[in-house]
Amino acid sequence: MIDLAAVQNLLAGWWFDYDQANFAVWPGYFTADTHFGCHSDSGRAPYEDFIRADVTGRDEVVAWHVDHRNNSPYPLRHNSTNVHVTASRPGEA
């Protein structure tokens, strides 16, 4: 079973490192077969092209994040307090 606190800590660390542009630690957040997708709720936000992602593999996911972070304003302050695990399999949440 996945521990909710472990998921929350992982996401909090990831957002902190993203906001601080700690590029060197990002590969450690992702497995080799990672898939990362991102879009607005409607899929039609004025900034949709900037936030839309559908990338697979650690290198592609990290590259997308580095490019996205380099083109984002600073300072950033993401918050991940509303984590809700909806499904889990052994080793996944």
C-alpha atoms as a PDB file:
ATOM      1  CA  MET A   1       0.000   0.000   0.000  1.00  0.00           C
ATOM      2  CA  ILE A   2       1.198   3.515  -0.809  1.00  0.00           C
ATOM      3  CA  ASP A   3       1.635   5.768   2.212  1.00  0.00           C
ATOM      4  CA  LEU A   4      -0.216   9.079   1.634  1.00  0.00           C
ATOM      5  CA  ALA A   5       2.354  10.991   3.699  1.00  0.00           C
ATOM      6  CA  ALA A   6       5.148   9.636   1.480  1.00  0.00           C
ATOM      7  CA  VAL A   7       3.284  10.824  -1.634  1.00  0.00           C
ATOM      8  CA  GLN A   8       2.708  14.249  -0.061  1.00  0.00           C
ATOM      9  CA  ASN A   9       6.405  14.538   0.884  1.00  0.00           C
ATOM     10  CA  LEU A  10       7.467  13.509  -2.614  1.00  0.00           C
ATOM     11  CA  LEU A  11       5.238  16.140  -4.231  1.00  0.00           C
ATOM     12  CA  ALA A  12       6.247  18.848  -1.764  1.00  0.00           C
ATOM     13  CA  GLY A  13       9.925  18.156  -2.444  1.00  0.00           C
ATOM     14  CA  TRP A  14       9.359  18.074  -6.188  1.00  0.00           C
ATOM     15  CA  TRP A  15       7.558  21.452  -6.179  1.00  0.00           C
ATOM     16  CA  PHE A  16      10.215  22.998  -3.938  1.00  0.00           C
ATOM     17  CA  ASP A  17      12.990  21.818  -6.247  1.00  0.00           C
ATOM     18  CA  TYR A  18      10.993  22.962  -9.290  1.00  0.00           C
ATOM     19  CA  ASP A  19      10.420  26.431  -7.829  1.00  0.00           C
ATOM     20  CA  GLN A  20      14.107  26.750  -6.908  1.00  0.00           C
ATOM     21  CA  ALA A  21      15.264  25.358 -10.289  1.00  0.00           C
ATOM     22  CA  ASN A  22      17.297  22.612  -8.611  1.00  0.00           C
ATOM     23  CA  PHE A  23      17.774  20.865 -11.963  1.00  0.00           C
ATOM     24  CA  ALA A  24      20.376  18.383 -10.730  1.00  0.00           C
ATOM     25  CA  VAL A  25      17.936  16.588  -8.408  1.00  0.00           C
ATOM     26  CA  TRP A  26      15.041  16.229 -10.861  1.00  0.00           C
ATOM     27  CA  PRO A  27      16.084  12.918 -12.446  1.00  0.00           C
ATOM     28  CA  GLY A  28      15.743  11.338  -8.996  1.00  0.00           C
ATOM     29  CA  TYR A  29      12.020  12.092  -8.951  1.00  0.00           C
ATOM     30  CA  PHE A  30      11.264  10.053 -12.060  1.00  0.00           C
ATOM     31  CA  THR A  31      11.578   6.425 -13.123  1.00  0.00           C
ATOM     32  CA  ALA A  32      12.970   5.522 -16.540  1.00  0.00           C
ATOM     33  CA  ASP A  33       9.442   4.846 -17.857  1.00  0.00           C
ATOM     34  CA  THR A  34       7.839   7.984 -16.381  1.00  0.00           C
ATOM     35  CA  HIS A  35       4.937   9.597 -18.222  1.00  0.00           C
ATOM     36  CA  PHE A  36       4.100  13.241 -17.491  1.00  0.00           C
ATOM     37  CA  GLY A  37       0.978  14.959 -18.754  1.00  0.00           C
ATOM     38  CA  CYS A  38      -0.243  18.447 -18.017  1.00  0.00           C
ATOM     39  CA  HIS A  39      -3.024  20.728 -19.259  1.00  0.00           C
ATOM     40  CA  SER A  40      -5.548  23.204 -17.887  1.00  0.00           C
ATOM     41  CA  ASP A  41      -8.952  22.011 -16.706  1.00  0.00           C
ATOM     42  CA  SER A  42     -10.647  23.193 -19.889  1.00  0.00           C
ATOM     43  CA  GLY A  43      -7.762  22.580 -22.275  1.00  0.00           C
ATOM     44  CA  ARG A  44      -8.395  26.067 -23.668  1.00  0.00           C
ATOM     45  CA  ALA A  45      -6.579  28.412 -21.287  1.00  0.00           C
ATOM     46  CA  PRO A  46      -4.795  31.389 -22.879  1.00  0.00           C
ATOM     47  CA  TYR A  47      -1.498  29.859 -21.744  1.00  0.00           C
ATOM     48  CA  GLU A  48      -2.364  26.306 -22.842  1.00  0.00           C
ATOM     49  CA  ASP A  49       0.567  25.981 -25.253  1.00  0.00           C
ATOM     50  CA  PHE A  50       2.935  26.844 -22.415  1.00  0.00           C
ATOM     51  CA  ILE A  51       1.601  24.328 -19.900  1.00  0.00           C
ATOM     52  CA  ARG A  52       0.542  21.441 -22.145  1.00  0.00           C
ATOM     53  CA  ALA A  53       2.790  18.402 -21.873  1.00  0.00           C
ATOM     54  CA  ASP A  54       2.560  14.762 -22.880  1.00  0.00           C
ATOM     55  CA  VAL A  55       6.070  13.321 -22.540  1.00  0.00           C
ATOM     56  CA  THR A  56       7.395   9.869 -21.700  1.00  0.00           C
ATOM     57  CA  GLY A  57      10.757   8.738 -20.342  1.00  0.00           C
ATOM     58  CA  ARG A  58      12.905  10.311 -17.632  1.00  0.00           C
ATOM     59  CA  ASP A  59      15.108  12.287 -20.040  1.00  0.00           C
ATOM     60  CA  GLU A  60      12.147  13.764 -21.950  1.00  0.00           C
ATOM     61  CA  VAL A  61      10.242  14.561 -18.762  1.00  0.00           C
ATOM     62  CA  VAL A  62      13.249  16.272 -17.176  1.00  0.00           C
ATOM     63  CA  ALA A  63      13.997  18.173 -20.412  1.00  0.00           C
ATOM     64  CA  TRP A  64      10.393  19.426 -20.553  1.00  0.00           C
ATOM     65  CA  HIS A  65      10.574  20.570 -16.918  1.00  0.00           C
ATOM     66  CA  VAL A  66      13.919  22.343 -17.403  1.00  0.00           C
ATOM     67  CA  ASP A  67      12.604  24.198 -20.464  1.00  0.00           C
ATOM     68  CA  HIS A  68       9.311  25.011 -18.726  1.00  0.00           C
ATOM     69  CA  ARG A  69      11.052  26.222 -15.562  1.00  0.00           C
ATOM     70  CA  ASN A  70      13.572  28.319 -17.500  1.00  0.00           C
ATOM     71  CA  ASN A  71      10.655  30.092 -19.193  1.00  0.00           C
ATOM     72  CA  SER A  72       8.664  30.643 -15.996  1.00  0.00           C
ATOM     73  CA  PRO A  73       8.784  33.723 -13.787  1.00  0.00           C
ATOM     74  CA  TYR A  74      10.686  33.768 -10.523  1.00  0.00           C
ATOM     75  CA  PRO A  75       9.912  33.515  -7.686  1.00  0.00           C
ATOM     76  CA  LEU A  76       7.506  30.610  -7.906  1.00  0.00           C
ATOM     77  CA  ARG A  77       5.675  29.202  -4.899  1.00  0.00           C
ATOM     78  CA  HIS A  78       3.757  26.026  -5.697  1.00  0.00           C
ATOM     79  CA  ASN A  79       1.727  24.312  -3.002  1.00  0.00           C
ATOM     80  CA  SER A  80       0.736  20.649  -2.868  1.00  0.00           C
ATOM     81  CA  THR A  81      -1.411  20.321   0.237  1.00  0.00           C
ATOM     82  CA  ASN A  82      -4.514  18.893  -1.448  1.00  0.00           C
ATOM     83  CA  VAL A  83      -3.093  15.503  -2.427  1.00  0.00           C
ATOM     84  CA  HIS A  84      -5.679  12.766  -2.786  1.00  0.00           C
ATOM     85  CA  VAL A  85      -4.607   9.295  -3.888  1.00  0.00           C
ATOM     86  CA  THR A  86      -7.366   7.808  -6.047  1.00  0.00           C
ATOM     87  CA  ALA A  87      -5.733   4.512  -6.976  1.00  0.00           C
ATOM     88  CA  SER A  88      -2.621   2.527  -6.232  1.00  0.00           C
ATOM     89  CA  ARG A  89      -0.833  -0.584  -7.407  1.00  0.00           C
ATOM     90  CA  PRO A  90       2.308  -2.037  -5.868  1.00  0.00           C
ATOM     91  CA  GLY A  91       4.911   0.743  -6.088  1.00  0.00           C
ATOM     92  CA  GLU A  92       2.569   3.242  -7.787  1.00  0.00           C
ATOM     93  CA  ALA A  93       0.106   5.845  -6.645  1.00  0.00           C
END
